[in-house]
Amino acid sequence: LRHDATNRDAVSALAGLYSEAGRSTEAESLHLALLAARPS
């Protein structure tokens, strides 16, 4: 994601791992950032 922050598969995968590790706030931030970049 450092090299391509708009890769939705990578965002979804990382957010899932963050959530499993109890890092839900960081996971949601990933989703929200991607929504801002790809709103349609």
Full PDB file with SEQRES, HELIX, SHEET, SSBOND, CRYST1, ORIGX, SCALE, CONECT and MASTER records, all heavy atoms in Angstrom:
SEQRES   1 A   40  LEU ARG HIS ASP ALA THR ASN ARG ASP ALA VAL SER ALA          
SEQRES   2 A   40  LEU ALA GLY LEU TYR SER GLU ALA GLY ARG SER THR GLU          
SEQRES   3 A   40  ALA GLU SER LEU HIS LEU ALA LEU LEU ALA ALA ARG PRO          
SEQRES   4 A   40  SER                                                          
HELIX    1 AA1 ARG A    8  GLU A   20  1                                  13    
HELIX    2 AA2 SER A   24  ALA A   37  1                                  14    
CRYST1    1.000    1.000    1.000  90.00  90.00  90.00 P 1           1          
ORIGX1      1.000000  0.000000  0.000000        0.00000                         
ORIGX2      0.000000  1.000000  0.000000        0.00000                         
ORIGX3      0.000000  0.000000  1.000000        0.00000                         
SCALE1      1.000000  0.000000  0.000000        0.00000                         
SCALE2      0.000000  1.000000  0.000000        0.00000                         
SCALE3      0.000000  0.000000  1.000000        0.00000                         
ATOM      1  N   LEU A   1       0.815  -1.214   0.000  1.00  0.00           N  
ATOM      2  CA  LEU A   1       0.000   0.000   0.000  1.00  0.00           C  
ATOM      3  C   LEU A   1       0.852   1.268   0.000  1.00  0.00           C  
ATOM      4  O   LEU A   1       0.379   2.322  -0.422  1.00  0.00           O  
ATOM      5  CB  LEU A   1      -0.957  -0.003   1.188  1.00  0.00           C  
ATOM      6  CG  LEU A   1      -2.096  -1.033   1.079  1.00  0.00           C  
ATOM      7  CD1 LEU A   1      -2.911  -1.073   2.358  1.00  0.00           C  
ATOM      8  CD2 LEU A   1      -2.993  -0.711  -0.116  1.00  0.00           C  
ATOM      9  N   ARG A   2       2.088   1.167   0.433  1.00  0.00           N  
ATOM     10  CA  ARG A   2       2.973   2.324   0.327  1.00  0.00           C  
ATOM     11  C   ARG A   2       3.240   2.662  -1.137  1.00  0.00           C  
ATOM     12  O   ARG A   2       3.460   3.827  -1.481  1.00  0.00           O  
ATOM     13  CB  ARG A   2       4.294   2.057   1.055  1.00  0.00           C  
ATOM     14  CG  ARG A   2       4.311   2.521   2.494  1.00  0.00           C  
ATOM     15  CD  ARG A   2       5.702   2.516   3.080  1.00  0.00           C  
ATOM     16  NE  ARG A   2       6.120   1.189   3.468  1.00  0.00           N  
ATOM     17  CZ  ARG A   2       5.846   0.641   4.651  1.00  0.00           C  
ATOM     18  NH1 ARG A   2       5.141   1.316   5.547  1.00  0.00           N  
ATOM     19  NH2 ARG A   2       6.261  -0.578   4.932  1.00  0.00           N  
ATOM     20  N   HIS A   3       3.204   1.656  -1.975  1.00  0.00           N  
ATOM     21  CA  HIS A   3       3.480   1.862  -3.397  1.00  0.00           C  
ATOM     22  C   HIS A   3       2.210   2.020  -4.230  1.00  0.00           C  
ATOM     23  O   HIS A   3       2.260   2.525  -5.354  1.00  0.00           O  
ATOM     24  CB  HIS A   3       4.320   0.707  -3.942  1.00  0.00           C  
ATOM     25  CG  HIS A   3       5.625   0.544  -3.219  1.00  0.00           C  
ATOM     26  ND1 HIS A   3       6.597   1.531  -3.208  1.00  0.00           N  
ATOM     27  CD2 HIS A   3       6.116  -0.475  -2.462  1.00  0.00           C  
ATOM     28  CE1 HIS A   3       7.632   1.114  -2.489  1.00  0.00           C  
ATOM     29  NE2 HIS A   3       7.353  -0.085  -2.022  1.00  0.00           N  
ATOM     30  N   ASP A   4       1.076   1.570  -3.705  1.00  0.00           N  
ATOM     31  CA  ASP A   4      -0.203   1.744  -4.399  1.00  0.00           C  
ATOM     32  C   ASP A   4      -1.314   1.735  -3.352  1.00  0.00           C  
ATOM     33  O   ASP A   4      -1.850   0.678  -3.002  1.00  0.00           O  
ATOM     34  CB  ASP A   4      -0.425   0.639  -5.434  1.00  0.00           C  
ATOM     35  CG  ASP A   4      -1.759   0.799  -6.171  1.00  0.00           C  
ATOM     36  OD1 ASP A   4      -2.424   1.842  -5.995  1.00  0.00           O  
ATOM     37  OD2 ASP A   4      -2.139  -0.129  -6.918  1.00  0.00           O  
ATOM     38  N   ALA A   5      -1.647   2.916  -2.876  1.00  0.00           N  
ATOM     39  CA  ALA A   5      -2.624   3.038  -1.787  1.00  0.00           C  
ATOM     40  C   ALA A   5      -4.052   2.780  -2.239  1.00  0.00           C  
ATOM     41  O   ALA A   5      -4.959   2.709  -1.408  1.00  0.00           O  
ATOM     42  CB  ALA A   5      -2.532   4.429  -1.169  1.00  0.00           C  
ATOM     43  N   THR A   6      -4.282   2.626  -3.554  1.00  0.00           N  
ATOM     44  CA  THR A   6      -5.646   2.443  -4.053  1.00  0.00           C  
ATOM     45  C   THR A   6      -5.939   0.995  -4.453  1.00  0.00           C  
ATOM     46  O   THR A   6      -6.958   0.721  -5.074  1.00  0.00           O  
ATOM     47  CB  THR A   6      -5.898   3.354  -5.281  1.00  0.00           C  
ATOM     48  OG1 THR A   6      -5.013   2.984  -6.347  1.00  0.00           O  
ATOM     49  CG2 THR A   6      -5.695   4.815  -4.923  1.00  0.00           C  
ATOM     50  N   ASN A   7      -5.065   0.077  -4.091  1.00  0.00           N  
ATOM     51  CA  ASN A   7      -5.302  -1.345  -4.374  1.00  0.00           C  
ATOM     52  C   ASN A   7      -6.354  -1.863  -3.394  1.00  0.00           C  
ATOM     53  O   ASN A   7      -6.064  -2.112  -2.230  1.00  0.00           O  
ATOM     54  CB  ASN A   7      -4.001  -2.140  -4.244  1.00  0.00           C  
ATOM     55  CG  ASN A   7      -4.178  -3.609  -4.606  1.00  0.00           C  
ATOM     56  OD1 ASN A   7      -5.273  -4.162  -4.546  1.00  0.00           O  
ATOM     57  ND2 ASN A   7      -3.086  -4.242  -4.988  1.00  0.00           N  
ATOM     58  N   ARG A   8      -7.575  -2.026  -3.895  1.00  0.00           N  
ATOM     59  CA  ARG A   8      -8.670  -2.367  -2.980  1.00  0.00           C  
ATOM     60  C   ARG A   8      -8.509  -3.759  -2.365  1.00  0.00           C  
ATOM     61  O   ARG A   8      -8.944  -3.978  -1.231  1.00  0.00           O  
ATOM     62  CB  ARG A   8     -10.009  -2.255  -3.716  1.00  0.00           C  
ATOM     63  CG  ARG A   8     -10.192  -3.179  -4.883  1.00  0.00           C  
ATOM     64  CD  ARG A   8     -11.372  -2.769  -5.726  1.00  0.00           C  
ATOM     65  NE  ARG A   8     -11.627  -3.741  -6.763  1.00  0.00           N  
ATOM     66  CZ  ARG A   8     -12.428  -3.514  -7.807  1.00  0.00           C  
ATOM     67  NH1 ARG A   8     -13.036  -2.344  -7.933  1.00  0.00           N  
ATOM     68  NH2 ARG A   8     -12.623  -4.454  -8.714  1.00  0.00           N  
ATOM     69  N   ASP A   9      -7.889  -4.704  -3.083  1.00  0.00           N  
ATOM     70  CA  ASP A   9      -7.677  -6.040  -2.517  1.00  0.00           C  
ATOM     71  C   ASP A   9      -6.691  -5.972  -1.350  1.00  0.00           C  
ATOM     72  O   ASP A   9      -6.890  -6.636  -0.327  1.00  0.00           O  
ATOM     73  CB  ASP A   9      -7.156  -6.997  -3.591  1.00  0.00           C  
ATOM     74  CG  ASP A   9      -8.195  -7.284  -4.665  1.00  0.00           C  
ATOM     75  OD1 ASP A   9      -9.393  -7.291  -4.327  1.00  0.00           O  
ATOM     76  OD2 ASP A   9      -7.816  -7.496  -5.825  1.00  0.00           O  
ATOM     77  N   ALA A  10      -5.629  -5.198  -1.526  1.00  0.00           N  
ATOM     78  CA  ALA A  10      -4.641  -5.065  -0.450  1.00  0.00           C  
ATOM     79  C   ALA A  10      -5.245  -4.354   0.756  1.00  0.00           C  
ATOM     80  O   ALA A  10      -4.983  -4.730   1.909  1.00  0.00           O  
ATOM     81  CB  ALA A  10      -3.415  -4.307  -0.959  1.00  0.00           C  
ATOM     82  N   VAL A  11      -6.055  -3.330   0.501  1.00  0.00           N  
ATOM     83  CA  VAL A  11      -6.719  -2.616   1.602  1.00  0.00           C  
ATOM     84  C   VAL A  11      -7.632  -3.556   2.371  1.00  0.00           C  
ATOM     85  O   VAL A  11      -7.616  -3.608   3.603  1.00  0.00           O  
ATOM     86  CB  VAL A  11      -7.518  -1.402   1.063  1.00  0.00           C  
ATOM     87  CG1 VAL A  11      -8.474  -0.876   2.124  1.00  0.00           C  
ATOM     88  CG2 VAL A  11      -6.569  -0.303   0.616  1.00  0.00           C  
ATOM     89  N   SER A  12      -8.435  -4.321   1.637  1.00  0.00           N  
ATOM     90  CA  SER A  12      -9.371  -5.237   2.285  1.00  0.00           C  
ATOM     91  C   SER A  12      -8.632  -6.297   3.099  1.00  0.00           C  
ATOM     92  O   SER A  12      -9.016  -6.605   4.236  1.00  0.00           O  
ATOM     93  CB  SER A  12     -10.252  -5.904   1.226  1.00  0.00           C  
ATOM     94  OG  SER A  12     -11.205  -6.755   1.825  1.00  0.00           O  
ATOM     95  N   ALA A  13      -7.542  -6.830   2.523  1.00  0.00           N  
ATOM     96  CA  ALA A  13      -6.776  -7.872   3.221  1.00  0.00           C  
ATOM     97  C   ALA A  13      -6.115  -7.319   4.485  1.00  0.00           C  
ATOM     98  O   ALA A  13      -6.168  -7.946   5.551  1.00  0.00           O  
ATOM     99  CB  ALA A  13      -5.726  -8.452   2.279  1.00  0.00           C  
ATOM    100  N   LEU A  14      -5.494  -6.141   4.366  1.00  0.00           N  
ATOM    101  CA  LEU A  14      -4.816  -5.567   5.520  1.00  0.00           C  
ATOM    102  C   LEU A  14      -5.808  -5.144   6.599  1.00  0.00           C  
ATOM    103  O   LEU A  14      -5.575  -5.351   7.797  1.00  0.00           O  
ATOM    104  CB  LEU A  14      -3.966  -4.372   5.085  1.00  0.00           C  
ATOM    105  CG  LEU A  14      -3.131  -3.708   6.194  1.00  0.00           C  
ATOM    106  CD1 LEU A  14      -2.210  -4.721   6.867  1.00  0.00           C  
ATOM    107  CD2 LEU A  14      -2.322  -2.541   5.626  1.00  0.00           C  
ATOM    108  N   ALA A  15      -6.935  -4.583   6.173  1.00  0.00           N  
ATOM    109  CA  ALA A  15      -7.962  -4.194   7.148  1.00  0.00           C  
ATOM    110  C   ALA A  15      -8.468  -5.416   7.907  1.00  0.00           C  
ATOM    111  O   ALA A  15      -8.711  -5.356   9.123  1.00  0.00           O  
ATOM    112  CB  ALA A  15      -9.111  -3.485   6.442  1.00  0.00           C  
ATOM    113  N   GLY A  16      -8.600  -6.529   7.190  1.00  0.00           N  
ATOM    114  CA  GLY A  16      -9.037  -7.758   7.843  1.00  0.00           C  
ATOM    115  C   GLY A  16      -8.044  -8.231   8.896  1.00  0.00           C  
ATOM    116  O   GLY A  16      -8.429  -8.642   9.998  1.00  0.00           O  
ATOM    117  N   LEU A  17      -6.758  -8.166   8.554  1.00  0.00           N  
ATOM    118  CA  LEU A  17      -5.727  -8.580   9.510  1.00  0.00           C  
ATOM    119  C   LEU A  17      -5.642  -7.624  10.697  1.00  0.00           C  
ATOM    120  O   LEU A  17      -5.422  -8.043  11.844  1.00  0.00           O  
ATOM    121  CB  LEU A  17      -4.378  -8.679   8.811  1.00  0.00           C  
ATOM    122  CG  LEU A  17      -4.243  -9.828   7.797  1.00  0.00           C  
ATOM    123  CD1 LEU A  17      -2.877  -9.789   7.116  1.00  0.00           C  
ATOM    124  CD2 LEU A  17      -4.469 -11.179   8.461  1.00  0.00           C  
ATOM    125  N   TYR A  18      -5.806  -6.328  10.416  1.00  0.00           N  
ATOM    126  CA  TYR A  18      -5.836  -5.365  11.513  1.00  0.00           C  
ATOM    127  C   TYR A  18      -6.989  -5.665  12.471  1.00  0.00           C  
ATOM    128  O   TYR A  18      -6.832  -5.627  13.696  1.00  0.00           O  
ATOM    129  CB  TYR A  18      -5.994  -3.947  10.959  1.00  0.00           C  
ATOM    130  CG  TYR A  18      -4.727  -3.268  10.490  1.00  0.00           C  
ATOM    131  CD1 TYR A  18      -4.784  -2.046   9.820  1.00  0.00           C  
ATOM    132  CD2 TYR A  18      -3.468  -3.827  10.721  1.00  0.00           C  
ATOM    133  CE1 TYR A  18      -3.632  -1.395   9.382  1.00  0.00           C  
ATOM    134  CE2 TYR A  18      -2.315  -3.194  10.295  1.00  0.00           C  
ATOM    135  CZ  TYR A  18      -2.401  -1.981   9.627  1.00  0.00           C  
ATOM    136  OH  TYR A  18      -1.261  -1.341   9.198  1.00  0.00           O  
ATOM    137  N   SER A  19      -8.155  -5.950  11.908  1.00  0.00           N  
ATOM    138  CA  SER A  19      -9.330  -6.227  12.736  1.00  0.00           C  
ATOM    139  C   SER A  19      -9.102  -7.449  13.611  1.00  0.00           C  
ATOM    140  O   SER A  19      -9.447  -7.462  14.799  1.00  0.00           O  
ATOM    141  CB  SER A  19     -10.559  -6.443  11.854  1.00  0.00           C  
ATOM    142  OG  SER A  19     -10.914  -5.258  11.183  1.00  0.00           O  
ATOM    143  N   GLU A  20      -8.521  -8.495  13.021  1.00  0.00           N  
ATOM    144  CA  GLU A  20      -8.257  -9.722  13.775  1.00  0.00           C  
ATOM    145  C   GLU A  20      -7.271  -9.474  14.913  1.00  0.00           C  
ATOM    146  O   GLU A  20      -7.297 -10.177  15.932  1.00  0.00           O  
ATOM    147  CB  GLU A  20      -7.719 -10.802  12.839  1.00  0.00           C  
ATOM    148  CG  GLU A  20      -8.753 -11.321  11.853  1.00  0.00           C  
ATOM    149  CD  GLU A  20      -8.148 -12.255  10.818  1.00  0.00           C  
ATOM    150  OE1 GLU A  20      -6.969 -12.662  10.981  1.00  0.00           O  
ATOM    151  OE2 GLU A  20      -8.849 -12.591   9.838  1.00  0.00           O  
ATOM    152  N   ALA A  21      -6.425  -8.471  14.727  1.00  0.00           N  
ATOM    153  CA  ALA A  21      -5.434  -8.144  15.759  1.00  0.00           C  
ATOM    154  C   ALA A  21      -5.958  -7.092  16.742  1.00  0.00           C  
ATOM    155  O   ALA A  21      -5.196  -6.570  17.575  1.00  0.00           O  
ATOM    156  CB  ALA A  21      -4.151  -7.650  15.108  1.00  0.00           C  
ATOM    157  N   GLY A  22      -7.239  -6.760  16.659  1.00  0.00           N  
ATOM    158  CA  GLY A  22      -7.824  -5.776  17.558  1.00  0.00           C  
ATOM    159  C   GLY A  22      -7.518  -4.341  17.181  1.00  0.00           C  
ATOM    160  O   GLY A  22      -7.626  -3.446  18.028  1.00  0.00           O  
ATOM    161  N   ARG A  23      -7.168  -4.115  15.937  1.00  0.00           N  
ATOM    162  CA  ARG A  23      -6.817  -2.764  15.478  1.00  0.00           C  
ATOM    163  C   ARG A  23      -7.910  -2.226  14.546  1.00  0.00           C  
ATOM    164  O   ARG A  23      -7.673  -1.815  13.432  1.00  0.00           O  
ATOM    165  CB  ARG A  23      -5.465  -2.800  14.768  1.00  0.00           C  
ATOM    166  CG  ARG A  23      -4.343  -3.306  15.641  1.00  0.00           C  
ATOM    167  CD  ARG A  23      -3.096  -3.693  14.872  1.00  0.00           C  
ATOM    168  NE  ARG A  23      -2.476  -2.566  14.178  1.00  0.00           N  
ATOM    169  CZ  ARG A  23      -1.376  -2.681  13.430  1.00  0.00           C  
ATOM    170  NH1 ARG A  23      -0.783  -3.857  13.288  1.00  0.00           N  
ATOM    171  NH2 ARG A  23      -0.877  -1.621  12.827  1.00  0.00           N  
ATOM    172  N   SER A  24      -9.150  -2.259  15.045  1.00  0.00           N  
ATOM    173  CA  SER A  24     -10.301  -1.895  14.202  1.00  0.00           C  
ATOM    174  C   SER A  24     -10.270  -0.451  13.733  1.00  0.00           C  
ATOM    175  O   SER A  24     -10.721  -0.137  12.632  1.00  0.00           O  
ATOM    176  CB  SER A  24     -11.607  -2.162  14.961  1.00  0.00           C  
ATOM    177  OG  SER A  24     -11.742  -3.534  15.215  1.00  0.00           O  
ATOM    178  N   THR A  25      -9.766   0.452  14.570  1.00  0.00           N  
ATOM    179  CA  THR A  25      -9.707   1.863  14.181  1.00  0.00           C  
ATOM    180  C   THR A  25      -8.793   2.051  12.981  1.00  0.00           C  
ATOM    181  O   THR A  25      -9.135   2.770  12.030  1.00  0.00           O  
ATOM    182  CB  THR A  25      -9.202   2.726  15.359  1.00  0.00           C  
ATOM    183  OG1 THR A  25     -10.090   2.571  16.472  1.00  0.00           O  
ATOM    184  CG2 THR A  25      -9.157   4.200  14.957  1.00  0.00           C  
ATOM    185  N   GLU A  26      -7.644   1.388  13.006  1.00  0.00           N  
ATOM    186  CA  GLU A  26      -6.727   1.480  11.868  1.00  0.00           C  
ATOM    187  C   GLU A  26      -7.330   0.825  10.626  1.00  0.00           C  
ATOM    188  O   GLU A  26      -7.151   1.312   9.512  1.00  0.00           O  
ATOM    189  CB  GLU A  26      -5.399   0.805  12.221  1.00  0.00           C  
ATOM    190  CG  GLU A  26      -4.599   1.534  13.287  1.00  0.00           C  
ATOM    191  CD  GLU A  26      -3.408   0.716  13.741  1.00  0.00           C  
ATOM    192  OE1 GLU A  26      -2.365   0.762  13.067  1.00  0.00           O  
ATOM    193  OE2 GLU A  26      -3.531   0.021  14.762  1.00  0.00           O  
ATOM    194  N   ALA A  27      -8.054  -0.268  10.857  1.00  0.00           N  
ATOM    195  CA  ALA A  27      -8.699  -0.953   9.735  1.00  0.00           C  
ATOM    196  C   ALA A  27      -9.727  -0.038   9.069  1.00  0.00           C  
ATOM    197  O   ALA A  27      -9.777   0.071   7.840  1.00  0.00           O  
ATOM    198  CB  ALA A  27      -9.371  -2.231  10.228  1.00  0.00           C  
ATOM    199  N   GLU A  28     -10.539   0.625   9.890  1.00  0.00           N  
ATOM    200  CA  GLU A  28     -11.549   1.514   9.325  1.00  0.00           C  
ATOM    201  C   GLU A  28     -10.902   2.691   8.600  1.00  0.00           C  
ATOM    202  O   GLU A  28     -11.398   3.140   7.559  1.00  0.00           O  
ATOM    203  CB  GLU A  28     -12.487   2.025  10.417  1.00  0.00           C  
ATOM    204  CG  GLU A  28     -13.630   2.863   9.849  1.00  0.00           C  
ATOM    205  CD  GLU A  28     -14.735   3.114  10.855  1.00  0.00           C  
ATOM    206  OE1 GLU A  28     -14.505   2.918  12.073  1.00  0.00           O  
ATOM    207  OE2 GLU A  28     -15.834   3.499  10.415  1.00  0.00           O  
ATOM    208  N   SER A  29      -9.796   3.183   9.121  1.00  0.00           N  
ATOM    209  CA  SER A  29      -9.097   4.286   8.462  1.00  0.00           C  
ATOM    210  C   SER A  29      -8.645   3.895   7.055  1.00  0.00           C  
ATOM    211  O   SER A  29      -8.687   4.710   6.124  1.00  0.00           O  
ATOM    212  CB  SER A  29      -7.878   4.706   9.291  1.00  0.00           C  
ATOM    213  OG  SER A  29      -8.284   5.238  10.527  1.00  0.00           O  
ATOM    214  N   LEU A  30      -8.232   2.646   6.890  1.00  0.00           N  
ATOM    215  CA  LEU A  30      -7.845   2.167   5.555  1.00  0.00           C  
ATOM    216  C   LEU A  30      -9.031   2.217   4.598  1.00  0.00           C  
ATOM    217  O   LEU A  30      -8.916   2.684   3.465  1.00  0.00           O  
ATOM    218  CB  LEU A  30      -7.308   0.734   5.638  1.00  0.00           C  
ATOM    219  CG  LEU A  30      -5.933   0.526   6.243  1.00  0.00           C  
ATOM    220  CD1 LEU A  30      -5.651  -0.961   6.388  1.00  0.00           C  
ATOM    221  CD2 LEU A  30      -4.864   1.177   5.378  1.00  0.00           C  
ATOM    222  N   HIS A  31     -10.175   1.712   5.062  1.00  0.00           N  
ATOM    223  CA  HIS A  31     -11.380   1.717   4.219  1.00  0.00           C  
ATOM    224  C   HIS A  31     -11.808   3.143   3.869  1.00  0.00           C  
ATOM    225  O   HIS A  31     -12.163   3.434   2.710  1.00  0.00           O  
ATOM    226  CB  HIS A  31     -12.522   0.994   4.930  1.00  0.00           C  
ATOM    227  CG  HIS A  31     -12.431  -0.488   4.891  1.00  0.00           C  
ATOM    228  ND1 HIS A  31     -12.546  -1.225   3.735  1.00  0.00           N  
ATOM    229  CD2 HIS A  31     -12.218  -1.390   5.899  1.00  0.00           C  
ATOM    230  CE1 HIS A  31     -12.427  -2.519   4.004  1.00  0.00           C  
ATOM    231  NE2 HIS A  31     -12.220  -2.648   5.306  1.00  0.00           N  
ATOM    232  N   LEU A  32     -11.785   4.039   4.849  1.00  0.00           N  
ATOM    233  CA  LEU A  32     -12.223   5.413   4.611  1.00  0.00           C  
ATOM    234  C   LEU A  32     -11.288   6.139   3.645  1.00  0.00           C  
ATOM    235  O   LEU A  32     -11.745   6.917   2.794  1.00  0.00           O  
ATOM    236  CB  LEU A  32     -12.307   6.172   5.937  1.00  0.00           C  
ATOM    237  CG  LEU A  32     -13.420   5.715   6.887  1.00  0.00           C  
ATOM    238  CD1 LEU A  32     -13.317   6.437   8.226  1.00  0.00           C  
ATOM    239  CD2 LEU A  32     -14.800   5.939   6.255  1.00  0.00           C  
ATOM    240  N   ALA A  33      -9.996   5.887   3.762  1.00  0.00           N  
ATOM    241  CA  ALA A  33      -9.040   6.514   2.846  1.00  0.00           C  
ATOM    242  C   ALA A  33      -9.276   6.034   1.419  1.00  0.00           C  
ATOM    243  O   ALA A  33      -9.203   6.821   0.461  1.00  0.00           O  
ATOM    244  CB  ALA A  33      -7.612   6.198   3.279  1.00  0.00           C  
ATOM    245  N   LEU A  34      -9.580   4.751   1.271  1.00  0.00           N  
ATOM    246  CA  LEU A  34      -9.838   4.219  -0.068  1.00  0.00           C  
ATOM    247  C   LEU A  34     -11.153   4.752  -0.623  1.00  0.00           C  
ATOM    248  O   LEU A  34     -11.259   5.042  -1.817  1.00  0.00           O  
ATOM    249  CB  LEU A  34      -9.852   2.692  -0.034  1.00  0.00           C  
ATOM    250  CG  LEU A  34      -9.922   1.994  -1.401  1.00  0.00           C  
ATOM    251  CD1 LEU A  34      -8.742   2.395  -2.278  1.00  0.00           C  
ATOM    252  CD2 LEU A  34      -9.957   0.481  -1.229  1.00  0.00           C  
ATOM    253  N   LEU A  35     -12.147   4.889   0.230  1.00  0.00           N  
ATOM    254  CA  LEU A  35     -13.418   5.482  -0.214  1.00  0.00           C  
ATOM    255  C   LEU A  35     -13.225   6.907  -0.709  1.00  0.00           C  
ATOM    256  O   LEU A  35     -13.844   7.330  -1.692  1.00  0.00           O  
ATOM    257  CB  LEU A  35     -14.436   5.478   0.942  1.00  0.00           C  
ATOM    258  CG  LEU A  35     -15.208   4.182   1.164  1.00  0.00           C  
ATOM    259  CD1 LEU A  35     -15.967   4.263   2.486  1.00  0.00           C  
ATOM    260  CD2 LEU A  35     -16.175   3.927   0.008  1.00  0.00           C  
ATOM    261  N   ALA A  36     -12.361   7.657  -0.049  1.00  0.00           N  
ATOM    262  CA  ALA A  36     -12.082   9.029  -0.482  1.00  0.00           C  
ATOM    263  C   ALA A  36     -11.368   9.036  -1.826  1.00  0.00           C  
ATOM    264  O   ALA A  36     -11.588   9.919  -2.654  1.00  0.00           O  
ATOM    265  CB  ALA A  36     -11.226   9.740   0.568  1.00  0.00           C  
ATOM    266  N   ALA A  37     -10.518   8.029  -2.050  1.00  0.00           N  
ATOM    267  CA  ALA A  37      -9.762   7.972  -3.303  1.00  0.00           C  
ATOM    268  C   ALA A  37     -10.596   7.405  -4.448  1.00  0.00           C  
ATOM    269  O   ALA A  37     -10.403   7.784  -5.605  1.00  0.00           O  
ATOM    270  CB  ALA A  37      -8.508   7.121  -3.108  1.00  0.00           C  
ATOM    271  N   ARG A  38     -11.520   6.489  -4.122  1.00  0.00           N  
ATOM    272  CA  ARG A  38     -12.318   5.833  -5.165  1.00  0.00           C  
ATOM    273  C   ARG A  38     -13.798   5.870  -4.786  1.00  0.00           C  
ATOM    274  O   ARG A  38     -14.421   4.834  -4.556  1.00  0.00           O  
ATOM    275  CB  ARG A  38     -11.849   4.389  -5.353  1.00  0.00           C  
ATOM    276  CG  ARG A  38     -10.379   4.280  -5.711  1.00  0.00           C  
ATOM    277  CD  ARG A  38      -9.897   2.834  -5.816  1.00  0.00           C  
ATOM    278  NE  ARG A  38     -10.502   2.124  -6.922  1.00  0.00           N  
ATOM    279  CZ  ARG A  38     -10.025   0.974  -7.414  1.00  0.00           C  
ATOM    280  NH1 ARG A  38      -8.941   0.434  -6.897  1.00  0.00           N  
ATOM    281  NH2 ARG A  38     -10.628   0.376  -8.417  1.00  0.00           N  
ATOM    282  N   PRO A  39     -14.387   7.068  -4.738  1.00  0.00           N  
ATOM    283  CA  PRO A  39     -15.754   7.195  -4.237  1.00  0.00           C  
ATOM    284  C   PRO A  39     -16.820   6.571  -5.129  1.00  0.00           C  
ATOM    285  O   PRO A  39     -17.936   6.314  -4.663  1.00  0.00           O  
ATOM    286  CB  PRO A  39     -15.941   8.717  -4.152  1.00  0.00           C  
ATOM    287  CG  PRO A  39     -14.989   9.272  -5.158  1.00  0.00           C  
ATOM    288  CD  PRO A  39     -13.808   8.369  -5.107  1.00  0.00           C  
ATOM    289  N   SER A  40     -16.496   6.311  -6.392  1.00  0.00           N  
ATOM    290  CA  SER A  40     -17.492   5.752  -7.320  1.00  0.00           C  
ATOM    291  C   SER A  40     -17.327   4.250  -7.526  1.00  0.00           C  
ATOM    292  O   SER A  40     -18.009   3.666  -8.365  1.00  0.00           O  
ATOM    293  CB  SER A  40     -17.394   6.460  -8.677  1.00  0.00           C  
ATOM    294  OG  SER A  40     -17.602   7.851  -8.541  1.00  0.00           O  
TER     295      SER A  40                                                      
MASTER        0    0    0    2    0    0    0    6  294    1    0    4          
END                                                                             
